[in-house]
């Protein structure tokens, strides 16, 4: 697994307003932590229910490779999941410019300075 990849993850069971079901997620965890064999991974779920102008809570992801539909990354739903929830991938790899926009949005949502 590599930072910036899109994987399919099983997010059930869900609670309340959490996104659930089998859905694509963007891997946003540092490569150092991924390579360490840590048992969880920080992800941002994707949705095809698009909302224009919703940054920083959403970042638009263009279709690429096996990610067939335009999607929004749900930055406000950043979470750690057990690696066993990652069932297939990578479906696609985010372009550098998209990953930078996602990183910026995460910093804004978490109120963390660069």
PDB file of N, CA and C in Angstrom:
ATOM      1  N   UNK A   1       0.850  -1.180   0.000  1.00  0.00           N
ATOM      2  CA  UNK A   1       0.000   0.000   0.000  1.00  0.00           C
ATOM      3  C   UNK A   1       0.894   1.240   0.000  1.00  0.00           C
ATOM      4  N   UNK A   2       0.442   2.263  -0.691  1.00  0.00           N
ATOM      5  CA  UNK A   2       1.206   3.504  -0.797  1.00  0.00           C
ATOM      6  C   UNK A   2       0.300   4.698  -0.521  1.00  0.00           C
ATOM      7  N   UNK A   3       0.849   5.688   0.161  1.00  0.00           N
ATOM      8  CA  UNK A   3       0.121   6.926   0.417  1.00  0.00           C
ATOM      9  C   UNK A   3      -0.354   7.508  -0.919  1.00  0.00           C
ATOM     10  N   UNK A   4      -1.613   7.942  -0.961  1.00  0.00           N
ATOM     11  CA  UNK A   4      -2.168   8.517  -2.176  1.00  0.00           C
ATOM     12  C   UNK A   4      -2.916   7.521  -3.047  1.00  0.00           C
ATOM     13  N   UNK A   5      -2.895   6.248  -2.676  1.00  0.00           N
ATOM     14  CA  UNK A   5      -3.647   5.258  -3.431  1.00  0.00           C
ATOM     15  C   UNK A   5      -5.117   5.276  -3.013  1.00  0.00           C
ATOM     16  N   UNK A   6      -5.959   4.853  -3.940  1.00  0.00           N
ATOM     17  CA  UNK A   6      -7.381   4.657  -3.666  1.00  0.00           C
ATOM     18  C   UNK A   6      -7.609   3.153  -3.546  1.00  0.00           C
ATOM     19  N   UNK A   7      -8.189   2.732  -2.433  1.00  0.00           N
ATOM     20  CA  UNK A   7      -8.505   1.326  -2.182  1.00  0.00           C
ATOM     21  C   UNK A   7      -9.995   1.175  -1.945  1.00  0.00           C
ATOM     22  N   UNK A   8     -10.493  -0.021  -2.114  1.00  0.00           N
ATOM     23  CA  UNK A   8     -11.854  -0.342  -1.755  1.00  0.00           C
ATOM     24  C   UNK A   8     -11.835  -0.853  -0.318  1.00  0.00           C
ATOM     25  N   UNK A   9     -12.685  -0.273   0.540  1.00  0.00           N
ATOM     26  CA  UNK A   9     -12.716  -0.648   1.956  1.00  0.00           C
ATOM     27  C   UNK A   9     -14.134  -0.993   2.388  1.00  0.00           C
ATOM     28  N   UNK A  10     -14.228  -1.963   3.272  1.00  0.00           N
ATOM     29  CA  UNK A  10     -15.514  -2.338   3.864  1.00  0.00           C
ATOM     30  C   UNK A  10     -15.684  -1.520   5.146  1.00  0.00           C
ATOM     31  N   UNK A  11     -16.575  -0.532   5.122  1.00  0.00           N
ATOM     32  CA  UNK A  11     -16.740   0.383   6.260  1.00  0.00           C
ATOM     33  C   UNK A  11     -17.941   0.024   7.138  1.00  0.00           C
ATOM     34  N   UNK A  12     -18.549  -1.135   6.906  1.00  0.00           N
ATOM     35  CA  UNK A  12     -19.620  -1.615   7.787  1.00  0.00           C
ATOM     36  C   UNK A  12     -18.993  -2.367   8.955  1.00  0.00           C
ATOM     37  N   UNK A  13     -19.540  -2.325  10.129  1.00  0.00           N
ATOM     38  CA  UNK A  13     -20.762  -1.592  10.471  1.00  0.00           C
ATOM     39  C   UNK A  13     -20.461  -0.103  10.642  1.00  0.00           C
ATOM     40  N   UNK A  14     -21.434   0.691  10.317  1.00  0.00           N
ATOM     41  CA  UNK A  14     -21.309   2.141  10.475  1.00  0.00           C
ATOM     42  C   UNK A  14     -22.171   2.567  11.648  1.00  0.00           C
ATOM     43  N   UNK A  15     -21.877   3.739  12.162  1.00  0.00           N
ATOM     44  CA  UNK A  15     -22.650   4.307  13.256  1.00  0.00           C
ATOM     45  C   UNK A  15     -23.019   5.738  12.910  1.00  0.00           C
ATOM     46  N   UNK A  16     -24.264   6.117  13.154  1.00  0.00           N
ATOM     47  CA  UNK A  16     -24.710   7.493  12.961  1.00  0.00           C
ATOM     48  C   UNK A  16     -24.398   8.034  11.587  1.00  0.00           C
ATOM     49  N   UNK A  17     -23.668   9.135  11.561  1.00  0.00           N
ATOM     50  CA  UNK A  17     -23.384   9.853  10.316  1.00  0.00           C
ATOM     51  C   UNK A  17     -22.143   9.339   9.585  1.00  0.00           C
ATOM     52  N   UNK A  18     -21.525   8.263  10.068  1.00  0.00           N
ATOM     53  CA  UNK A  18     -20.353   7.723   9.388  1.00  0.00           C
ATOM     54  C   UNK A  18     -20.729   7.150   8.026  1.00  0.00           C
ATOM     55  N   UNK A  19     -19.856   7.324   7.027  1.00  0.00           N
ATOM     56  CA  UNK A  19     -20.105   6.636   5.758  1.00  0.00           C
ATOM     57  C   UNK A  19     -19.893   5.135   5.962  1.00  0.00           C
ATOM     58  N   UNK A  20     -20.748   4.346   5.367  1.00  0.00           N
ATOM     59  CA  UNK A  20     -20.630   2.904   5.506  1.00  0.00           C
ATOM     60  C   UNK A  20     -20.472   2.240   4.155  1.00  0.00           C
ATOM     61  N   UNK A  21     -20.811   1.003   4.073  1.00  0.00           N
ATOM     62  CA  UNK A  21     -20.799   0.098   2.932  1.00  0.00           C
ATOM     63  C   UNK A  21     -19.395  -0.088   2.357  1.00  0.00           C
ATOM     64  N   UNK A  22     -19.334  -0.823   1.286  1.00  0.00           N
ATOM     65  CA  UNK A  22     -18.086  -1.041   0.565  1.00  0.00           C
ATOM     66  C   UNK A  22     -17.876   0.171  -0.322  1.00  0.00           C
ATOM     67  N   UNK A  23     -16.786   0.916  -0.100  1.00  0.00           N
ATOM     68  CA  UNK A  23     -16.585   2.150  -0.873  1.00  0.00           C
ATOM     69  C   UNK A  23     -15.100   2.440  -1.038  1.00  0.00           C
ATOM     70  N   UNK A  24     -14.760   3.241  -2.046  1.00  0.00           N
ATOM     71  CA  UNK A  24     -13.369   3.656  -2.217  1.00  0.00           C
ATOM     72  C   UNK A  24     -12.947   4.604  -1.099  1.00  0.00           C
ATOM     73  N   UNK A  25     -11.682   4.501  -0.731  1.00  0.00           N
ATOM     74  CA  UNK A  25     -11.089   5.391   0.272  1.00  0.00           C
ATOM     75  C   UNK A  25      -9.709   5.817  -0.218  1.00  0.00           C
ATOM     76  N   UNK A  26      -9.319   7.022   0.161  1.00  0.00           N
ATOM     77  CA  UNK A  26      -7.972   7.511  -0.156  1.00  0.00           C
ATOM     78  C   UNK A  26      -7.067   7.257   1.046  1.00  0.00           C
ATOM     79  N   UNK A  27      -5.922   6.656   0.810  1.00  0.00           N
ATOM     80  CA  UNK A  27      -4.943   6.403   1.870  1.00  0.00           C
ATOM     81  C   UNK A  27      -4.148   7.687   2.082  1.00  0.00           C
ATOM     82  N   UNK A  28      -4.231   8.262   3.294  1.00  0.00           N
ATOM     83  CA  UNK A  28      -3.564   9.536   3.570  1.00  0.00           C
ATOM     84  C   UNK A  28      -2.492   9.421   4.654  1.00  0.00           C
ATOM     85  N   UNK A  29      -2.312   8.246   5.197  1.00  0.00           N
ATOM     86  CA  UNK A  29      -1.313   8.019   6.240  1.00  0.00           C
ATOM     87  C   UNK A  29       0.101   8.165   5.668  1.00  0.00           C
ATOM     88  N   UNK A  30       1.042   8.566   6.508  1.00  0.00           N
ATOM     89  CA  UNK A  30       2.429   8.720   6.052  1.00  0.00           C
ATOM     90  C   UNK A  30       2.983   7.379   5.583  1.00  0.00           C
ATOM     91  N   UNK A  31       3.832   7.434   4.576  1.00  0.00           N
ATOM     92  CA  UNK A  31       4.428   6.208   4.049  1.00  0.00           C
ATOM     93  C   UNK A  31       5.270   5.508   5.106  1.00  0.00           C
ATOM     94  N   UNK A  32       5.925   6.280   5.975  1.00  0.00           N
ATOM     95  CA  UNK A  32       6.738   5.693   7.047  1.00  0.00           C
ATOM     96  C   UNK A  32       5.883   4.780   7.924  1.00  0.00           C
ATOM     97  N   UNK A  33       4.690   5.240   8.284  1.00  0.00           N
ATOM     98  CA  UNK A  33       3.805   4.448   9.129  1.00  0.00           C
ATOM     99  C   UNK A  33       3.258   3.242   8.373  1.00  0.00           C
ATOM    100  N   UNK A  34       2.939   3.414   7.101  1.00  0.00           N
ATOM    101  CA  UNK A  34       2.482   2.282   6.284  1.00  0.00           C
ATOM    102  C   UNK A  34       3.572   1.215   6.235  1.00  0.00           C
ATOM    103  N   UNK A  35       4.805   1.633   5.974  1.00  0.00           N
ATOM    104  CA  UNK A  35       5.921   0.695   5.839  1.00  0.00           C
ATOM    105  C   UNK A  35       6.282   0.010   7.155  1.00  0.00           C
ATOM    106  N   UNK A  36       5.876   0.606   8.268  1.00  0.00           N
ATOM    107  CA  UNK A  36       6.218   0.039   9.579  1.00  0.00           C
ATOM    108  C   UNK A  36       5.382  -1.197   9.922  1.00  0.00           C
ATOM    109  N   UNK A  37       4.335  -1.454   9.135  1.00  0.00           N
ATOM    110  CA  UNK A  37       3.482  -2.597   9.415  1.00  0.00           C
ATOM    111  C   UNK A  37       2.412  -2.309  10.442  1.00  0.00           C
ATOM    112  N   UNK A  38       2.165  -1.029  10.716  1.00  0.00           N
ATOM    113  CA  UNK A  38       1.123  -0.630  11.653  1.00  0.00           C
ATOM    114  C   UNK A  38      -0.197  -1.262  11.232  1.00  0.00           C
ATOM    115  N   UNK A  39      -1.030  -1.674  12.179  1.00  0.00           N
ATOM    116  CA  UNK A  39      -2.231  -2.458  11.877  1.00  0.00           C
ATOM    117  C   UNK A  39      -3.447  -1.633  11.474  1.00  0.00           C
ATOM    118  N   UNK A  40      -3.344  -0.301  11.515  1.00  0.00           N
ATOM    119  CA  UNK A  40      -4.430   0.552  11.043  1.00  0.00           C
ATOM    120  C   UNK A  40      -3.884   1.532  10.019  1.00  0.00           C
ATOM    121  N   UNK A  41      -4.800   2.114   9.248  1.00  0.00           N
ATOM    122  CA  UNK A  41      -4.419   3.066   8.211  1.00  0.00           C
ATOM    123  C   UNK A  41      -5.373   4.249   8.249  1.00  0.00           C
ATOM    124  N   UNK A  42      -4.826   5.459   8.160  1.00  0.00           N
ATOM    125  CA  UNK A  42      -5.649   6.662   8.067  1.00  0.00           C
ATOM    126  C   UNK A  42      -6.164   6.803   6.643  1.00  0.00           C
ATOM    127  N   UNK A  43      -7.476   6.943   6.528  1.00  0.00           N
ATOM    128  CA  UNK A  43      -8.113   7.040   5.208  1.00  0.00           C
ATOM    129  C   UNK A  43      -9.115   8.192   5.187  1.00  0.00           C
ATOM    130  N   UNK A  44      -9.462   8.605   3.980  1.00  0.00           N
ATOM    131  CA  UNK A  44     -10.571   9.535   3.761  1.00  0.00           C
ATOM    132  C   UNK A  44     -11.529   8.827   2.805  1.00  0.00           C
ATOM    133  N   UNK A  45     -12.773   8.578   3.236  1.00  0.00           N
ATOM    134  CA  UNK A  45     -13.745   7.912   2.364  1.00  0.00           C
ATOM    135  C   UNK A  45     -14.126   8.787   1.169  1.00  0.00           C
ATOM    136  N   UNK A  46     -14.513   8.143   0.075  1.00  0.00           N
ATOM    137  CA  UNK A  46     -14.979   8.844  -1.119  1.00  0.00           C
ATOM    138  C   UNK A  46     -16.476   8.604  -1.302  1.00  0.00           C
ATOM    139  N   UNK A  47     -17.138   9.559  -1.944  1.00  0.00           N
ATOM    140  CA  UNK A  47     -18.548   9.427  -2.292  1.00  0.00           C
ATOM    141  C   UNK A  47     -18.763   9.942  -3.700  1.00  0.00           C
ATOM    142  N   UNK A  48     -19.756   9.383  -4.377  1.00  0.00           N
ATOM    143  CA  UNK A  48     -20.118   9.887  -5.704  1.00  0.00           C
ATOM    144  C   UNK A  48     -21.260  10.901  -5.606  1.00  0.00           C
ATOM    145  N   UNK A  49     -21.726  11.185  -4.402  1.00  0.00           N
ATOM    146  CA  UNK A  49     -22.721  12.240  -4.187  1.00  0.00           C
ATOM    147  C   UNK A  49     -21.955  13.559  -4.086  1.00  0.00           C
ATOM    148  N   UNK A  50     -21.826  14.242  -5.210  1.00  0.00           N
ATOM    149  CA  UNK A  50     -20.961  15.413  -5.327  1.00  0.00           C
ATOM    150  C   UNK A  50     -21.649  16.673  -4.824  1.00  0.00           C
ATOM    151  N   UNK A  51     -20.858  17.507  -4.147  1.00  0.00           N
ATOM    152  CA  UNK A  51     -21.321  18.828  -3.724  1.00  0.00           C
ATOM    153  C   UNK A  51     -20.255  19.831  -4.156  1.00  0.00           C
ATOM    154  N   UNK A  52     -20.637  20.747  -5.031  1.00  0.00           N
ATOM    155  CA  UNK A  52     -19.686  21.739  -5.548  1.00  0.00           C
ATOM    156  C   UNK A  52     -19.351  22.765  -4.475  1.00  0.00           C
ATOM    157  N   UNK A  53     -18.103  23.237  -4.486  1.00  0.00           N
ATOM    158  CA  UNK A  53     -17.674  24.321  -3.615  1.00  0.00           C
ATOM    159  C   UNK A  53     -17.670  23.979  -2.140  1.00  0.00           C
ATOM    160  N   UNK A  54     -17.441  22.726  -1.785  1.00  0.00           N
ATOM    161  CA  UNK A  54     -17.506  22.316  -0.376  1.00  0.00           C
ATOM    162  C   UNK A  54     -16.136  22.148   0.279  1.00  0.00           C
ATOM    163  N   UNK A  55     -15.066  22.624  -0.381  1.00  0.00           N
ATOM    164  CA  UNK A  55     -13.740  22.534   0.247  1.00  0.00           C
ATOM    165  C   UNK A  55     -13.713  23.444   1.464  1.00  0.00           C
ATOM    166  N   UNK A  56     -13.076  23.112   2.558  1.00  0.00           N
ATOM    167  CA  UNK A  56     -12.151  21.995   2.702  1.00  0.00           C
ATOM    168  C   UNK A  56     -12.802  20.682   3.135  1.00  0.00           C
ATOM    169  N   UNK A  57     -14.120  20.637   3.331  1.00  0.00           N
ATOM    170  CA  UNK A  57     -14.746  19.398   3.783  1.00  0.00           C
ATOM    171  C   UNK A  57     -14.792  18.325   2.696  1.00  0.00           C
ATOM    172  N   UNK A  58     -14.719  18.736   1.437  1.00  0.00           N
ATOM    173  CA  UNK A  58     -14.711  17.803   0.314  1.00  0.00           C
ATOM    174  C   UNK A  58     -13.669  18.238  -0.708  1.00  0.00           C
ATOM    175  N   UNK A  59     -12.986  17.266  -1.275  1.00  0.00           N
ATOM    176  CA  UNK A  59     -12.020  17.513  -2.352  1.00  0.00           C
ATOM    177  C   UNK A  59     -12.428  16.624  -3.521  1.00  0.00           C
ATOM    178  N   UNK A  60     -12.575  17.230  -4.692  1.00  0.00           N
ATOM    179  CA  UNK A  60     -13.022  16.502  -5.890  1.00  0.00           C
ATOM    180  C   UNK A  60     -11.901  15.617  -6.409  1.00  0.00           C
ATOM    181  N   UNK A  61     -12.265  14.363  -6.710  1.00  0.00           N
ATOM    182  CA  UNK A  61     -11.345  13.373  -7.255  1.00  0.00           C
ATOM    183  C   UNK A  61     -11.856  12.986  -8.637  1.00  0.00           C
ATOM    184  N   UNK A  62     -11.035  13.159  -9.646  1.00  0.00           N
ATOM    185  CA  UNK A  62     -11.409  12.823 -11.022  1.00  0.00           C
ATOM    186  C   UNK A  62     -11.268  11.318 -11.253  1.00  0.00           C
ATOM    187  N   UNK A  63     -12.092  10.747 -12.136  1.00  0.00           N
ATOM    188  CA  UNK A  63     -11.983   9.318 -12.445  1.00  0.00           C
ATOM    189  C   UNK A  63     -10.599   8.992 -13.009  1.00  0.00           C
ATOM    190  N   UNK A  64     -10.087   7.834 -12.638  1.00  0.00           N
ATOM    191  CA  UNK A  64      -8.774   7.423 -13.110  1.00  0.00           C
ATOM    192  C   UNK A  64      -8.634   5.923 -12.850  1.00  0.00           C
ATOM    193  N   UNK A  65      -8.065   5.205 -13.779  1.00  0.00           N
ATOM    194  CA  UNK A  65      -7.842   3.757 -13.667  1.00  0.00           C
ATOM    195  C   UNK A  65      -9.155   3.061 -13.319  1.00  0.00           C
ATOM    196  N   UNK A  66      -9.200   2.331 -12.216  1.00  0.00           N
ATOM    197  CA  UNK A  66     -10.406   1.581 -11.844  1.00  0.00           C
ATOM    198  C   UNK A  66     -11.384   2.405 -11.020  1.00  0.00           C
ATOM    199  N   UNK A  67     -11.070   3.658 -10.756  1.00  0.00           N
ATOM    200  CA  UNK A  67     -12.029   4.573 -10.133  1.00  0.00           C
ATOM    201  C   UNK A  67     -12.815   5.200 -11.276  1.00  0.00           C
ATOM    202  N   UNK A  68     -13.987   4.676 -11.544  1.00  0.00           N
ATOM    203  CA  UNK A  68     -14.726   4.995 -12.769  1.00  0.00           C
ATOM    204  C   UNK A  68     -15.533   6.277 -12.705  1.00  0.00           C
ATOM    205  N   UNK A  69     -15.890   6.738 -11.497  1.00  0.00           N
ATOM    206  CA  UNK A  69     -16.774   7.897 -11.387  1.00  0.00           C
ATOM    207  C   UNK A  69     -16.083   9.027 -10.624  1.00  0.00           C
ATOM    208  N   UNK A  70     -16.428  10.251 -11.010  1.00  0.00           N
ATOM    209  CA  UNK A  70     -15.958  11.409 -10.269  1.00  0.00           C
ATOM    210  C   UNK A  70     -16.483  11.292  -8.838  1.00  0.00           C
ATOM    211  N   UNK A  71     -15.637  11.638  -7.874  1.00  0.00           N
ATOM    212  CA  UNK A  71     -15.981  11.456  -6.468  1.00  0.00           C
ATOM    213  C   UNK A  71     -15.533  12.653  -5.651  1.00  0.00           C
ATOM    214  N   UNK A  72     -16.112  12.790  -4.467  1.00  0.00           N
ATOM    215  CA  UNK A  72     -15.639  13.743  -3.471  1.00  0.00           C
ATOM    216  C   UNK A  72     -14.981  12.975  -2.336  1.00  0.00           C
ATOM    217  N   UNK A  73     -13.792  13.411  -1.936  1.00  0.00           N
ATOM    218  CA  UNK A  73     -13.150  12.884  -0.734  1.00  0.00           C
ATOM    219  C   UNK A  73     -13.779  13.592   0.460  1.00  0.00           C
ATOM    220  N   UNK A  74     -14.316  12.820   1.392  1.00  0.00           N
ATOM    221  CA  UNK A  74     -15.012  13.362   2.561  1.00  0.00           C
ATOM    222  C   UNK A  74     -14.012  13.648   3.675  1.00  0.00           C
ATOM    223  N   UNK A  75     -13.327  14.782   3.569  1.00  0.00           N
ATOM    224  CA  UNK A  75     -12.237  15.120   4.479  1.00  0.00           C
ATOM    225  C   UNK A  75     -12.710  15.167   5.937  1.00  0.00           C
ATOM    226  N   UNK A  76     -13.929  15.615   6.161  1.00  0.00           N
ATOM    227  CA  UNK A  76     -14.469  15.662   7.515  1.00  0.00           C
ATOM    228  C   UNK A  76     -14.710  14.295   8.118  1.00  0.00           C
ATOM    229  N   UNK A  77     -14.561  13.237   7.312  1.00  0.00           N
ATOM    230  CA  UNK A  77     -14.738  11.866   7.785  1.00  0.00           C
ATOM    231  C   UNK A  77     -13.405  11.117   7.879  1.00  0.00           C
ATOM    232  N   UNK A  78     -12.291  11.852   7.942  1.00  0.00           N
ATOM    233  CA  UNK A  78     -10.969  11.248   8.134  1.00  0.00           C
ATOM    234  C   UNK A  78     -11.037  10.275   9.301  1.00  0.00           C
ATOM    235  N   UNK A  79     -10.500   9.074   9.101  1.00  0.00           N
ATOM    236  CA  UNK A  79     -10.524   8.095  10.186  1.00  0.00           C
ATOM    237  C   UNK A  79      -9.456   7.038  10.004  1.00  0.00           C
ATOM    238  N   UNK A  80      -9.164   6.347  11.090  1.00  0.00           N
ATOM    239  CA  UNK A  80      -8.266   5.195  11.048  1.00  0.00           C
ATOM    240  C   UNK A  80      -9.124   3.942  10.952  1.00  0.00           C
ATOM    241  N   UNK A  81      -8.738   3.037  10.063  1.00  0.00           N
ATOM    242  CA  UNK A  81      -9.442   1.759   9.954  1.00  0.00           C
ATOM    243  C   UNK A  81      -8.431   0.620  10.080  1.00  0.00           C
ATOM    244  N   UNK A  82      -8.895  -0.501  10.544  1.00  0.00           N
ATOM    245  CA  UNK A  82      -8.076  -1.703  10.591  1.00  0.00           C
ATOM    246  C   UNK A  82      -7.720  -2.082   9.156  1.00  0.00           C
ATOM    247  N   UNK A  83      -6.487  -2.489   8.938  1.00  0.00           N
ATOM    248  CA  UNK A  83      -6.038  -2.827   7.586  1.00  0.00           C
ATOM    249  C   UNK A  83      -6.854  -3.943   6.941  1.00  0.00           C
ATOM    250  N   UNK A  84      -7.502  -4.789   7.759  1.00  0.00           N
ATOM    251  CA  UNK A  84      -8.317  -5.868   7.199  1.00  0.00           C
ATOM    252  C   UNK A  84      -9.569  -5.332   6.505  1.00  0.00           C
ATOM    253  N   UNK A  85      -9.921  -4.056   6.746  1.00  0.00           N
ATOM    254  CA  UNK A  85     -11.061  -3.456   6.049  1.00  0.00           C
ATOM    255  C   UNK A  85     -10.714  -3.100   4.595  1.00  0.00           C
ATOM    256  N   UNK A  86      -9.429  -2.993   4.282  1.00  0.00           N
ATOM    257  CA  UNK A  86      -8.978  -2.673   2.922  1.00  0.00           C
ATOM    258  C   UNK A  86      -9.014  -3.965   2.108  1.00  0.00           C
ATOM    259  N   UNK A  87     -10.039  -4.094   1.264  1.00  0.00           N
ATOM    260  CA  UNK A  87     -10.287  -5.385   0.628  1.00  0.00           C
ATOM    261  C   UNK A  87      -9.749  -5.506  -0.798  1.00  0.00           C
ATOM    262  N   UNK A  88      -9.545  -4.388  -1.488  1.00  0.00           N
ATOM    263  CA  UNK A  88      -9.022  -4.471  -2.861  1.00  0.00           C
ATOM    264  C   UNK A  88      -8.364  -3.160  -3.255  1.00  0.00           C
ATOM    265  N   UNK A  89      -7.236  -3.281  -3.912  1.00  0.00           N
ATOM    266  CA  UNK A  89      -6.573  -2.076  -4.373  1.00  0.00           C
ATOM    267  C   UNK A  89      -5.159  -2.356  -4.814  1.00  0.00           C
ATOM    268  N   UNK A  90      -4.547  -1.343  -5.321  1.00  0.00           N
ATOM    269  CA  UNK A  90      -5.109  -0.013  -5.498  1.00  0.00           C
ATOM    270  C   UNK A  90      -6.013   0.069  -6.733  1.00  0.00           C
ATOM    271  N   UNK A  91      -7.062   0.870  -6.610  1.00  0.00           N
ATOM    272  CA  UNK A  91      -7.950   1.142  -7.739  1.00  0.00           C
ATOM    273  C   UNK A  91      -7.376   2.245  -8.614  1.00  0.00           C
ATOM    274  N   UNK A  92      -6.681   3.182  -7.973  1.00  0.00           N
ATOM    275  CA  UNK A  92      -6.086   4.329  -8.672  1.00  0.00           C
ATOM    276  C   UNK A  92      -5.064   4.962  -7.736  1.00  0.00           C
ATOM    277  N   UNK A  93      -4.285   5.867  -8.287  1.00  0.00           N
ATOM    278  CA  UNK A  93      -3.328   6.646  -7.503  1.00  0.00           C
ATOM    279  C   UNK A  93      -3.636   8.118  -7.745  1.00  0.00           C
ATOM    280  N   UNK A  94      -3.772   8.871  -6.657  1.00  0.00           N
ATOM    281  CA  UNK A  94      -4.069  10.301  -6.787  1.00  0.00           C
ATOM    282  C   UNK A  94      -2.926  11.029  -7.471  1.00  0.00           C
ATOM    283  N   UNK A  95      -3.265  11.974  -8.327  1.00  0.00           N
ATOM    284  CA  UNK A  95      -2.243  12.837  -8.910  1.00  0.00           C
ATOM    285  C   UNK A  95      -1.640  13.683  -7.798  1.00  0.00           C
ATOM    286  N   UNK A  96      -0.388  14.097  -7.962  1.00  0.00           N
ATOM    287  CA  UNK A  96       0.298  14.889  -6.934  1.00  0.00           C
ATOM    288  C   UNK A  96      -0.490  16.134  -6.562  1.00  0.00           C
ATOM    289  N   UNK A  97      -1.060  16.811  -7.550  1.00  0.00           N
ATOM    290  CA  UNK A  97      -1.794  18.048  -7.270  1.00  0.00           C
ATOM    291  C   UNK A  97      -3.052  17.759  -6.438  1.00  0.00           C
ATOM    292  N   UNK A  98      -3.715  16.645  -6.702  1.00  0.00           N
ATOM    293  CA  UNK A  98      -4.908  16.273  -5.932  1.00  0.00           C
ATOM    294  C   UNK A  98      -4.518  15.888  -4.512  1.00  0.00           C
ATOM    295  N   UNK A  99      -3.423  15.148  -4.357  1.00  0.00           N
ATOM    296  CA  UNK A  99      -2.957  14.771  -3.020  1.00  0.00           C
ATOM    297  C   UNK A  99      -2.570  16.011  -2.211  1.00  0.00           C
ATOM    298  N   UNK A 100      -1.964  16.996  -2.866  1.00  0.00           N
ATOM    299  CA  UNK A 100      -1.623  18.258  -2.162  1.00  0.00           C
ATOM    300  C   UNK A 100      -2.891  18.977  -1.718  1.00  0.00           C
ATOM    301  N   UNK A 101      -3.933  19.016  -2.571  1.00  0.00           N
ATOM    302  CA  UNK A 101      -5.197  19.649  -2.191  1.00  0.00           C
ATOM    303  C   UNK A 101      -5.844  18.905  -1.023  1.00  0.00           C
ATOM    304  N   UNK A 102      -5.753  17.578  -1.041  1.00  0.00           N
ATOM    305  CA  UNK A 102      -6.290  16.772   0.047  1.00  0.00           C
ATOM    306  C   UNK A 102      -5.513  17.034   1.336  1.00  0.00           C
ATOM    307  N   UNK A 103      -4.192  17.093   1.250  1.00  0.00           N
ATOM    308  CA  UNK A 103      -3.366  17.417   2.421  1.00  0.00           C
ATOM    309  C   UNK A 103      -3.728  18.790   2.989  1.00  0.00           C
ATOM    310  N   UNK A 104      -3.890  19.777   2.122  1.00  0.00           N
ATOM    311  CA  UNK A 104      -4.258  21.130   2.563  1.00  0.00           C
ATOM    312  C   UNK A 104      -5.613  21.117   3.263  1.00  0.00           C
ATOM    313  N   UNK A 105      -6.568  20.395   2.695  1.00  0.00           N
ATOM    314  CA  UNK A 105      -7.909  20.323   3.282  1.00  0.00           C
ATOM    315  C   UNK A 105      -7.869  19.654   4.654  1.00  0.00           C
ATOM    316  N   UNK A 106      -7.072  18.586   4.789  1.00  0.00           N
ATOM    317  CA  UNK A 106      -6.943  17.913   6.088  1.00  0.00           C
ATOM    318  C   UNK A 106      -6.357  18.864   7.121  1.00  0.00           C
ATOM    319  N   UNK A 107      -5.320  19.618   6.737  1.00  0.00           N
ATOM    320  CA  UNK A 107      -4.730  20.593   7.668  1.00  0.00           C
ATOM    321  C   UNK A 107      -5.762  21.628   8.095  1.00  0.00           C
ATOM    322  N   UNK A 108      -6.580  22.112   7.155  1.00  0.00           N
ATOM    323  CA  UNK A 108      -7.606  23.099   7.481  1.00  0.00           C
ATOM    324  C   UNK A 108      -8.650  22.519   8.430  1.00  0.00           C
ATOM    325  N   UNK A 109      -9.114  21.321   8.141  1.00  0.00           N
ATOM    326  CA  UNK A 109     -10.144  20.697   8.970  1.00  0.00           C
ATOM    327  C   UNK A 109      -9.615  20.421  10.376  1.00  0.00           C
ATOM    328  N   UNK A 110      -8.343  20.037  10.479  1.00  0.00           N
ATOM    329  CA  UNK A 110      -7.748  19.762  11.791  1.00  0.00           C
ATOM    330  C   UNK A 110      -7.163  21.005  12.445  1.00  0.00           C
ATOM    331  N   UNK A 111      -7.173  22.139  11.733  1.00  0.00           N
ATOM    332  CA  UNK A 111      -6.611  23.387  12.224  1.00  0.00           C
ATOM    333  C   UNK A 111      -5.135  23.218  12.599  1.00  0.00           C
ATOM    334  N   UNK A 112      -4.390  22.613  11.664  1.00  0.00           N
ATOM    335  CA  UNK A 112      -2.959  22.383  11.850  1.00  0.00           C
ATOM    336  C   UNK A 112      -2.210  23.215  10.828  1.00  0.00           C
ATOM    337  N   UNK A 113      -1.277  24.032  11.290  1.00  0.00           N
ATOM    338  CA  UNK A 113      -0.462  24.840  10.386  1.00  0.00           C
ATOM    339  C   UNK A 113       0.557  23.972   9.688  1.00  0.00           C
ATOM    340  N   UNK A 114       0.927  24.393   8.476  1.00  0.00           N
ATOM    341  CA  UNK A 114       1.936  23.666   7.699  1.00  0.00           C
ATOM    342  C   UNK A 114       3.305  23.855   8.286  1.00  0.00           C
TER     343      UNK A 114
END
